[in-house]
Amino acid sequence: MIRAKRGLPREGFAERAAAWKTSFEVKRSRNPDLTVSSFWAGIRSSIRSDAVHLYEAFHGKCAFCESCMAHVSSPQVEHYRPKSKYPDAAFDWENWLLSCGRCNDRKWAHFPDCDGVPCLIDPASEEPESHIEFVGYVPVPKTRRGAETIQLIGLDRSPLEEERSR
């Protein structure tokens, strides 16, 4: 895990995000059982160009495990703060990360707290090296947040170590 640079959103993103949020609120007012995750699934095609921009900003690599997307899975827009727990952040560019399916599945809606700070390291807004170091190809925690991130994402899974060795 290294520092990732999300960069600025594509032109017009703020307007698109506001429209998505408004649409969600309107649909949810008609159907209180509508979750932001269900809504998100329905707008995937409309976020595609922004997702491609995110893919390019991350150079096609997962924000967590750094695997090249083309090698491991389809790229996914991962929400640092889970959309199920923070629905207002679902359409916030600063909350979007690029993730491989494996890391996204492991993180899912987990967002543990470490003494008032998210345990999960946000590689787009902080230096992961402050929390995790590598001894050879193995991630080793330097802090509690590093340990929690390694465990939550599974950064020590053997296929990643094999890939890092190449």
N, C-alpha and C. Protein backbone atom coordinates (compact mmCIF):
# COMPACT_ATOMS: atom_id res chain seq x y z
N MET A 1 0.85 -1.17 0.00
CA MET A 1 0.00 0.00 0.00
C MET A 1 0.90 1.24 0.00
N ILE A 2 0.69 2.08 -1.00
CA ILE A 2 1.44 3.32 -1.09
C ILE A 2 0.46 4.48 -1.23
N ARG A 3 0.98 5.67 -1.09
CA ARG A 3 0.15 6.86 -1.24
C ARG A 3 -0.37 6.91 -2.66
N ALA A 4 -1.66 7.11 -2.80
CA ALA A 4 -2.31 7.20 -4.11
C ALA A 4 -2.78 8.63 -4.33
N LYS A 5 -2.73 9.05 -5.57
CA LYS A 5 -3.18 10.41 -5.89
C LYS A 5 -4.44 10.34 -6.71
N ARG A 6 -5.54 10.69 -6.06
CA ARG A 6 -6.83 10.65 -6.70
C ARG A 6 -6.96 11.75 -7.76
N GLY A 7 -6.38 12.88 -7.47
CA GLY A 7 -6.49 14.00 -8.40
C GLY A 7 -7.86 14.65 -8.35
N LEU A 8 -8.04 15.59 -9.23
CA LEU A 8 -9.31 16.31 -9.29
C LEU A 8 -10.33 15.50 -10.09
N PRO A 9 -11.60 15.69 -9.77
CA PRO A 9 -12.63 15.00 -10.56
C PRO A 9 -12.73 15.59 -11.96
N ARG A 10 -13.42 14.87 -12.83
CA ARG A 10 -13.67 15.38 -14.18
C ARG A 10 -14.55 16.61 -14.10
N GLU A 11 -14.45 17.44 -15.11
CA GLU A 11 -15.27 18.64 -15.18
C GLU A 11 -16.75 18.25 -15.10
N GLY A 12 -17.47 18.97 -14.28
CA GLY A 12 -18.90 18.74 -14.13
C GLY A 12 -19.26 17.68 -13.09
N PHE A 13 -18.26 17.14 -12.42
CA PHE A 13 -18.54 16.08 -11.43
C PHE A 13 -19.45 16.59 -10.33
N ALA A 14 -19.20 17.77 -9.82
CA ALA A 14 -20.02 18.29 -8.71
C ALA A 14 -21.49 18.34 -9.09
N GLU A 15 -21.77 18.75 -10.32
CA GLU A 15 -23.14 18.81 -10.78
C GLU A 15 -23.75 17.41 -10.93
N ARG A 16 -22.96 16.48 -11.48
CA ARG A 16 -23.44 15.10 -11.61
C ARG A 16 -23.70 14.49 -10.23
N ALA A 17 -22.76 14.72 -9.31
CA ALA A 17 -22.91 14.16 -7.96
C ALA A 17 -24.14 14.74 -7.26
N ALA A 18 -24.37 16.03 -7.43
CA ALA A 18 -25.56 16.65 -6.84
C ALA A 18 -26.84 16.06 -7.43
N ALA A 19 -26.82 15.80 -8.73
CA ALA A 19 -28.00 15.20 -9.38
C ALA A 19 -28.22 13.77 -8.87
N TRP A 20 -27.15 12.99 -8.71
CA TRP A 20 -27.29 11.62 -8.18
C TRP A 20 -27.87 11.66 -6.77
N LYS A 21 -27.34 12.57 -5.96
CA LYS A 21 -27.79 12.67 -4.58
C LYS A 21 -29.27 13.08 -4.52
N THR A 22 -29.65 14.05 -5.33
CA THR A 22 -31.04 14.49 -5.37
C THR A 22 -31.95 13.36 -5.84
N SER A 23 -31.52 12.66 -6.88
CA SER A 23 -32.31 11.54 -7.40
C SER A 23 -32.48 10.47 -6.32
N PHE A 24 -31.42 10.18 -5.59
CA PHE A 24 -31.51 9.21 -4.51
C PHE A 24 -32.51 9.66 -3.45
N GLU A 25 -32.43 10.93 -3.06
CA GLU A 25 -33.33 11.44 -2.03
C GLU A 25 -34.78 11.39 -2.48
N VAL A 26 -35.03 11.73 -3.74
CA VAL A 26 -36.40 11.69 -4.28
C VAL A 26 -36.91 10.25 -4.29
N LYS A 27 -36.10 9.33 -4.81
CA LYS A 27 -36.52 7.93 -4.88
C LYS A 27 -36.69 7.34 -3.49
N ARG A 28 -35.85 7.75 -2.57
CA ARG A 28 -35.97 7.23 -1.21
C ARG A 28 -37.20 7.80 -0.51
N SER A 29 -37.59 9.02 -0.85
CA SER A 29 -38.81 9.58 -0.24
C SER A 29 -40.03 8.79 -0.70
N ARG A 30 -39.97 8.23 -1.91
CA ARG A 30 -41.07 7.40 -2.43
C ARG A 30 -40.98 5.96 -1.91
N ASN A 31 -39.75 5.52 -1.62
CA ASN A 31 -39.52 4.15 -1.16
C ASN A 31 -38.51 4.19 -0.01
N PRO A 32 -38.97 4.31 1.22
CA PRO A 32 -38.06 4.44 2.37
C PRO A 32 -37.12 3.24 2.55
N ASP A 33 -37.44 2.12 1.93
CA ASP A 33 -36.58 0.94 2.04
C ASP A 33 -35.42 0.96 1.05
N LEU A 34 -35.39 1.93 0.15
CA LEU A 34 -34.32 2.01 -0.84
C LEU A 34 -33.00 2.33 -0.14
N THR A 35 -32.02 1.50 -0.38
CA THR A 35 -30.70 1.74 0.20
C THR A 35 -29.83 2.47 -0.82
N VAL A 36 -28.82 3.15 -0.33
CA VAL A 36 -27.91 3.84 -1.24
C VAL A 36 -27.16 2.81 -2.09
N SER A 37 -26.92 1.62 -1.56
CA SER A 37 -26.25 0.58 -2.34
C SER A 37 -27.11 0.13 -3.51
N SER A 38 -28.40 -0.04 -3.29
CA SER A 38 -29.31 -0.42 -4.38
C SER A 38 -29.38 0.70 -5.41
N PHE A 39 -29.47 1.92 -4.94
CA PHE A 39 -29.50 3.06 -5.86
C PHE A 39 -28.21 3.11 -6.67
N TRP A 40 -27.07 2.92 -6.00
CA TRP A 40 -25.76 2.96 -6.65
C TRP A 40 -25.70 1.94 -7.78
N ALA A 41 -26.20 0.75 -7.52
CA ALA A 41 -26.19 -0.30 -8.54
C ALA A 41 -26.96 0.14 -9.78
N GLY A 42 -28.00 0.93 -9.58
CA GLY A 42 -28.81 1.39 -10.69
C GLY A 42 -28.21 2.53 -11.49
N ILE A 43 -27.22 3.22 -10.93
CA ILE A 43 -26.62 4.35 -11.66
C ILE A 43 -25.21 4.05 -12.14
N ARG A 44 -24.78 2.81 -12.01
CA ARG A 44 -23.40 2.47 -12.41
C ARG A 44 -23.05 2.96 -13.80
N SER A 45 -23.96 2.80 -14.74
CA SER A 45 -23.63 3.21 -16.11
C SER A 45 -23.43 4.73 -16.20
N SER A 46 -24.12 5.50 -15.37
CA SER A 46 -23.97 6.95 -15.44
C SER A 46 -22.69 7.45 -14.75
N ILE A 47 -22.08 6.61 -13.92
CA ILE A 47 -20.82 7.03 -13.28
C ILE A 47 -19.60 6.49 -14.04
N ARG A 48 -19.85 5.74 -15.10
CA ARG A 48 -18.76 5.07 -15.82
C ARG A 48 -17.64 6.02 -16.23
N SER A 49 -17.96 7.17 -16.79
CA SER A 49 -16.90 8.07 -17.23
C SER A 49 -16.09 8.61 -16.05
N ASP A 50 -16.74 8.82 -14.92
CA ASP A 50 -16.01 9.26 -13.73
C ASP A 50 -15.17 8.12 -13.16
N ALA A 51 -15.69 6.90 -13.26
CA ALA A 51 -14.92 5.74 -12.81
C ALA A 51 -13.68 5.53 -13.68
N VAL A 52 -13.82 5.76 -14.98
CA VAL A 52 -12.66 5.65 -15.88
C VAL A 52 -11.62 6.70 -15.51
N HIS A 53 -12.07 7.89 -15.18
CA HIS A 53 -11.16 8.96 -14.76
C HIS A 53 -10.42 8.55 -13.48
N LEU A 54 -11.14 7.92 -12.55
CA LEU A 54 -10.53 7.43 -11.31
C LEU A 54 -9.52 6.34 -11.64
N TYR A 55 -9.86 5.46 -12.55
CA TYR A 55 -8.97 4.39 -12.99
C TYR A 55 -7.66 4.98 -13.53
N GLU A 56 -7.78 6.00 -14.35
CA GLU A 56 -6.59 6.65 -14.91
C GLU A 56 -5.77 7.34 -13.83
N ALA A 57 -6.44 7.98 -12.87
CA ALA A 57 -5.73 8.67 -11.78
C ALA A 57 -4.93 7.69 -10.93
N PHE A 58 -5.47 6.48 -10.76
CA PHE A 58 -4.80 5.46 -9.95
C PHE A 58 -3.91 4.56 -10.82
N HIS A 59 -3.74 4.93 -12.07
CA HIS A 59 -2.89 4.18 -13.00
C HIS A 59 -3.31 2.71 -13.08
N GLY A 60 -4.62 2.48 -12.96
CA GLY A 60 -5.15 1.13 -13.08
C GLY A 60 -4.81 0.21 -11.92
N LYS A 61 -4.36 0.78 -10.80
CA LYS A 61 -3.97 -0.04 -9.65
C LYS A 61 -4.95 0.13 -8.49
N CYS A 62 -5.13 -0.96 -7.77
CA CYS A 62 -5.96 -0.94 -6.57
C CYS A 62 -5.32 -0.03 -5.52
N ALA A 63 -6.13 0.82 -4.92
CA ALA A 63 -5.64 1.75 -3.89
C ALA A 63 -5.08 1.02 -2.68
N PHE A 64 -5.55 -0.20 -2.44
CA PHE A 64 -5.13 -0.93 -1.26
C PHE A 64 -3.97 -1.89 -1.52
N CYS A 65 -4.14 -2.80 -2.46
CA CYS A 65 -3.11 -3.83 -2.65
C CYS A 65 -2.16 -3.52 -3.80
N GLU A 66 -2.45 -2.48 -4.56
CA GLU A 66 -1.61 -2.02 -5.68
C GLU A 66 -1.58 -2.98 -6.86
N SER A 67 -2.45 -3.97 -6.87
CA SER A 67 -2.50 -4.88 -8.01
C SER A 67 -3.03 -4.15 -9.23
N CYS A 68 -2.50 -4.49 -10.37
CA CYS A 68 -3.02 -3.94 -11.63
C CYS A 68 -4.39 -4.55 -11.87
N MET A 69 -5.38 -3.71 -12.07
CA MET A 69 -6.74 -4.20 -12.24
C MET A 69 -6.85 -5.24 -13.34
N ALA A 70 -6.23 -4.99 -14.45
CA ALA A 70 -6.34 -5.92 -15.58
C ALA A 70 -5.85 -7.31 -15.21
N HIS A 71 -5.03 -7.40 -14.18
CA HIS A 71 -4.48 -8.70 -13.75
C HIS A 71 -5.35 -9.43 -12.75
N VAL A 72 -6.18 -8.71 -11.99
CA VAL A 72 -6.88 -9.37 -10.89
C VAL A 72 -8.40 -9.33 -10.97
N SER A 73 -8.97 -8.26 -11.48
CA SER A 73 -10.43 -8.18 -11.51
C SER A 73 -10.86 -6.91 -12.23
N SER A 74 -12.15 -6.77 -12.34
CA SER A 74 -12.69 -5.52 -12.88
C SER A 74 -12.51 -4.43 -11.83
N PRO A 75 -12.16 -3.24 -12.25
CA PRO A 75 -12.01 -2.16 -11.28
C PRO A 75 -13.36 -1.79 -10.67
N GLN A 76 -13.32 -1.40 -9.41
CA GLN A 76 -14.53 -1.01 -8.71
C GLN A 76 -14.30 0.31 -8.00
N VAL A 77 -15.33 1.14 -7.97
CA VAL A 77 -15.27 2.35 -7.17
C VAL A 77 -15.55 1.91 -5.74
N GLU A 78 -14.57 2.07 -4.90
CA GLU A 78 -14.68 1.72 -3.49
C GLU A 78 -14.93 3.01 -2.73
N HIS A 79 -15.81 2.96 -1.76
CA HIS A 79 -16.08 4.10 -0.90
C HIS A 79 -15.27 3.94 0.38
N TYR A 80 -14.32 4.84 0.60
CA TYR A 80 -13.51 4.77 1.82
C TYR A 80 -14.43 4.70 3.03
N ARG A 81 -15.32 5.66 3.14
CA ARG A 81 -16.36 5.60 4.17
C ARG A 81 -17.53 4.86 3.52
N PRO A 82 -17.90 3.69 4.04
CA PRO A 82 -18.92 2.87 3.38
C PRO A 82 -20.22 3.62 3.13
N LYS A 83 -20.72 3.48 1.93
CA LYS A 83 -21.95 4.18 1.57
C LYS A 83 -23.14 3.73 2.41
N SER A 84 -23.10 2.50 2.92
CA SER A 84 -24.20 2.01 3.75
C SER A 84 -24.25 2.75 5.10
N LYS A 85 -23.11 3.18 5.59
CA LYS A 85 -23.04 3.87 6.87
C LYS A 85 -22.96 5.39 6.72
N TYR A 86 -22.47 5.84 5.57
CA TYR A 86 -22.30 7.27 5.30
C TYR A 86 -22.91 7.58 3.93
N PRO A 87 -24.25 7.47 3.81
CA PRO A 87 -24.86 7.66 2.49
C PRO A 87 -24.60 9.03 1.87
N ASP A 88 -24.43 10.06 2.69
CA ASP A 88 -24.15 11.39 2.15
C ASP A 88 -22.78 11.46 1.48
N ALA A 89 -21.87 10.55 1.83
CA ALA A 89 -20.53 10.56 1.25
C ALA A 89 -20.44 9.67 -0.01
N ALA A 90 -21.52 9.02 -0.37
CA ALA A 90 -21.50 8.10 -1.52
C ALA A 90 -21.14 8.80 -2.82
N PHE A 91 -21.50 10.06 -2.93
CA PHE A 91 -21.28 10.79 -4.18
C PHE A 91 -20.19 11.85 -4.04
N ASP A 92 -19.35 11.67 -3.04
CA ASP A 92 -18.26 12.61 -2.76
C ASP A 92 -16.96 12.08 -3.38
N TRP A 93 -16.39 12.82 -4.31
CA TRP A 93 -15.17 12.41 -5.00
C TRP A 93 -14.06 12.06 -4.02
N GLU A 94 -13.95 12.80 -2.93
CA GLU A 94 -12.90 12.57 -1.94
C GLU A 94 -13.10 11.26 -1.18
N ASN A 95 -14.26 10.64 -1.34
CA ASN A 95 -14.54 9.37 -0.68
C ASN A 95 -14.33 8.18 -1.63
N TRP A 96 -14.07 8.45 -2.89
CA TRP A 96 -13.92 7.39 -3.88
C TRP A 96 -12.47 6.93 -3.99
N LEU A 97 -12.30 5.64 -4.04
CA LEU A 97 -11.00 5.02 -4.30
C LEU A 97 -11.21 3.98 -5.39
N LEU A 98 -10.16 3.62 -6.07
CA LEU A 98 -10.23 2.51 -7.02
C LEU A 98 -9.80 1.26 -6.27
N SER A 99 -10.56 0.21 -6.44
CA SER A 99 -10.27 -1.02 -5.70
C SER A 99 -10.48 -2.23 -6.60
N CYS A 100 -9.67 -3.24 -6.35
CA CYS A 100 -9.92 -4.53 -7.00
C CYS A 100 -11.08 -5.19 -6.27
N GLY A 101 -11.70 -6.14 -6.91
CA GLY A 101 -12.83 -6.83 -6.31
C GLY A 101 -12.47 -7.53 -5.02
N ARG A 102 -11.28 -8.08 -4.96
CA ARG A 102 -10.86 -8.82 -3.76
C ARG A 102 -10.78 -7.89 -2.54
N CYS A 103 -10.12 -6.75 -2.69
CA CYS A 103 -10.02 -5.81 -1.57
C CYS A 103 -11.39 -5.21 -1.23
N ASN A 104 -12.16 -4.90 -2.26
CA ASN A 104 -13.49 -4.34 -2.03
C ASN A 104 -14.38 -5.33 -1.29
N ASP A 105 -14.32 -6.59 -1.67
CA ASP A 105 -15.11 -7.62 -0.98
C ASP A 105 -14.68 -7.78 0.47
N ARG A 106 -13.38 -7.70 0.72
CA ARG A 106 -12.88 -7.86 2.09
C ARG A 106 -13.28 -6.67 2.96
N LYS A 107 -13.18 -5.47 2.39
CA LYS A 107 -13.52 -4.28 3.17
C LYS A 107 -15.02 -4.18 3.37
N TRP A 108 -15.77 -4.38 2.31
CA TRP A 108 -17.22 -4.32 2.29
C TRP A 108 -17.69 -3.09 3.05
N ALA A 109 -18.48 -3.25 4.09
CA ALA A 109 -19.00 -2.11 4.84
C ALA A 109 -18.28 -1.95 6.18
N HIS A 110 -17.17 -2.65 6.33
CA HIS A 110 -16.42 -2.54 7.58
C HIS A 110 -15.70 -1.19 7.64
N PHE A 111 -15.77 -0.57 8.77
CA PHE A 111 -15.09 0.71 8.95
C PHE A 111 -14.83 0.89 10.44
N PRO A 112 -13.93 0.05 10.99
CA PRO A 112 -13.69 0.08 12.43
C PRO A 112 -13.06 1.40 12.89
N ASP A 113 -13.28 1.68 14.15
CA ASP A 113 -12.80 2.91 14.77
C ASP A 113 -11.62 2.59 15.68
N CYS A 114 -10.58 3.41 15.60
CA CYS A 114 -9.41 3.30 16.48
C CYS A 114 -9.30 4.58 17.28
N ASP A 115 -9.94 4.60 18.42
CA ASP A 115 -9.87 5.76 19.32
C ASP A 115 -10.30 7.05 18.63
N GLY A 116 -11.43 7.01 17.94
CA GLY A 116 -11.97 8.20 17.30
C GLY A 116 -11.46 8.49 15.90
N VAL A 117 -10.57 7.64 15.39
CA VAL A 117 -10.01 7.79 14.05
C VAL A 117 -10.30 6.50 13.28
N PRO A 118 -10.64 6.60 11.99
CA PRO A 118 -10.86 5.35 11.26
C PRO A 118 -9.61 4.48 11.30
N CYS A 119 -9.80 3.19 11.58
CA CYS A 119 -8.66 2.26 11.58
C CYS A 119 -8.11 2.08 10.18
N LEU A 120 -8.99 2.07 9.20
CA LEU A 120 -8.57 1.86 7.82
C LEU A 120 -7.79 3.07 7.31
N ILE A 121 -6.63 2.82 6.78
CA ILE A 121 -5.80 3.88 6.21
C ILE A 121 -6.40 4.31 4.87
N ASP A 122 -6.48 5.60 4.66
CA ASP A 122 -6.95 6.14 3.38
C ASP A 122 -5.71 6.49 2.55
N PRO A 123 -5.35 5.66 1.59
CA PRO A 123 -4.11 5.90 0.84
C PRO A 123 -4.14 7.14 -0.05
N ALA A 124 -5.30 7.76 -0.20
CA ALA A 124 -5.37 8.97 -1.01
C ALA A 124 -5.28 10.25 -0.19
N SER A 125 -5.30 10.10 1.15
CA SER A 125 -5.21 11.32 1.95
C SER A 125 -4.17 11.25 3.07
N GLU A 126 -3.48 10.11 3.16
CA GLU A 126 -2.44 10.01 4.18
C GLU A 126 -1.35 9.06 3.69
N GLU A 127 -0.24 9.09 4.38
CA GLU A 127 0.91 8.27 4.00
C GLU A 127 0.82 6.88 4.64
N PRO A 128 0.52 5.86 3.85
CA PRO A 128 0.48 4.51 4.42
C PRO A 128 1.80 4.09 5.06
N GLU A 129 2.91 4.61 4.56
CA GLU A 129 4.22 4.24 5.10
C GLU A 129 4.38 4.64 6.57
N SER A 130 3.53 5.54 7.04
CA SER A 130 3.56 5.89 8.47
C SER A 130 2.98 4.77 9.33
N HIS A 131 2.25 3.86 8.69
CA HIS A 131 1.54 2.81 9.42
C HIS A 131 1.95 1.40 9.05
N ILE A 132 2.49 1.23 7.84
CA ILE A 132 2.85 -0.10 7.34
C ILE A 132 4.22 -0.02 6.67
N GLU A 133 5.06 -1.00 6.97
CA GLU A 133 6.33 -1.12 6.25
C GLU A 133 6.38 -2.52 5.64
N PHE A 134 7.27 -2.70 4.72
CA PHE A 134 7.42 -4.00 4.09
C PHE A 134 8.77 -4.58 4.44
N VAL A 135 8.75 -5.80 4.91
CA VAL A 135 9.97 -6.54 5.16
C VAL A 135 9.99 -7.59 4.05
N GLY A 136 10.83 -7.35 3.09
CA GLY A 136 10.77 -8.16 1.87
C GLY A 136 9.47 -7.84 1.17
N TYR A 137 8.62 -8.84 1.04
CA TYR A 137 7.33 -8.66 0.37
C TYR A 137 6.16 -8.73 1.34
N VAL A 138 6.47 -8.76 2.62
CA VAL A 138 5.45 -8.94 3.66
C VAL A 138 5.15 -7.61 4.34
N PRO A 139 3.86 -7.22 4.40
CA PRO A 139 3.53 -5.98 5.12
C PRO A 139 3.60 -6.20 6.63
N VAL A 140 4.21 -5.26 7.31
CA VAL A 140 4.38 -5.34 8.76
C VAL A 140 3.82 -4.04 9.35
N PRO A 141 2.92 -4.16 10.33
CA PRO A 141 2.33 -2.95 10.90
C PRO A 141 3.32 -2.16 11.75
N LYS A 142 3.24 -0.85 11.65
CA LYS A 142 4.01 0.04 12.51
C LYS A 142 3.11 0.65 13.57
N THR A 143 1.79 0.64 13.29
CA THR A 143 0.82 1.22 14.21
C THR A 143 -0.40 0.30 14.29
N ARG A 144 -1.27 0.60 15.24
CA ARG A 144 -2.52 -0.18 15.34
C ARG A 144 -3.32 -0.04 14.05
N ARG A 145 -3.37 1.15 13.49
CA ARG A 145 -4.12 1.36 12.24
C ARG A 145 -3.50 0.54 11.11
N GLY A 146 -2.18 0.43 11.09
CA GLY A 146 -1.53 -0.40 10.09
C GLY A 146 -1.94 -1.86 10.24
N ALA A 147 -1.96 -2.34 11.48
CA ALA A 147 -2.34 -3.73 11.75
C ALA A 147 -3.80 -3.97 11.35
N GLU A 148 -4.67 -3.04 11.68
CA GLU A 148 -6.09 -3.18 11.34
C GLU A 148 -6.28 -3.18 9.82
N THR A 149 -5.55 -2.32 9.12
CA THR A 149 -5.68 -2.25 7.67
C THR A 149 -5.17 -3.53 7.02
N ILE A 150 -4.03 -4.02 7.45
CA ILE A 150 -3.49 -5.27 6.91
C ILE A 150 -4.50 -6.40 7.10
N GLN A 151 -5.07 -6.48 8.30
CA GLN A 151 -6.02 -7.56 8.60
C GLN A 151 -7.31 -7.38 7.81
N LEU A 152 -7.86 -6.16 7.82
CA LEU A 152 -9.15 -5.91 7.17
C LEU A 152 -9.10 -6.15 5.67
N ILE A 153 -8.09 -5.65 5.01
CA ILE A 153 -7.97 -5.77 3.56
C ILE A 153 -7.32 -7.09 3.16
N GLY A 154 -6.57 -7.68 4.07
CA GLY A 154 -5.87 -8.91 3.73
C GLY A 154 -4.62 -8.64 2.92
N LEU A 155 -3.91 -7.58 3.29
CA LEU A 155 -2.71 -7.20 2.54
C LEU A 155 -1.59 -8.23 2.69
N ASP A 156 -1.76 -9.17 3.61
CA ASP A 156 -0.74 -10.21 3.80
C ASP A 156 -1.15 -11.53 3.14
N ARG A 157 -2.13 -11.50 2.27
CA ARG A 157 -2.54 -12.75 1.60
C ARG A 157 -1.44 -13.20 0.65
N SER A 158 -1.22 -14.50 0.59
CA SER A 158 -0.08 -15.05 -0.14
C SER A 158 -0.04 -14.69 -1.63
N PRO A 159 -1.16 -14.63 -2.35
CA PRO A 159 -1.05 -14.24 -3.76
C PRO A 159 -0.44 -12.85 -3.95
N LEU A 160 -0.70 -11.94 -3.00
CA LEU A 160 -0.10 -10.60 -3.11
C LEU A 160 1.40 -10.67 -2.88
N GLU A 161 1.83 -11.47 -1.93
CA GLU A 161 3.26 -11.61 -1.68
C GLU A 161 3.97 -12.19 -2.91
N GLU A 162 3.33 -13.16 -3.55
CA GLU A 162 3.90 -13.72 -4.78
C GLU A 162 4.01 -12.67 -5.88
N GLU A 163 2.95 -11.85 -6.01
CA GLU A 163 2.95 -10.81 -7.05
C GLU A 163 4.01 -9.76 -6.73
N ARG A 164 4.13 -9.37 -5.47
CA ARG A 164 5.15 -8.38 -5.09
C ARG A 164 6.55 -8.88 -5.36
N SER A 165 6.77 -10.17 -5.25
CA SER A 165 8.10 -10.73 -5.45
C SER A 165 8.53 -10.64 -6.92
N ARG A 166 7.54 -10.54 -7.81
CA ARG A 166 7.87 -10.41 -9.25
C ARG A 166 8.23 -8.99 -9.56
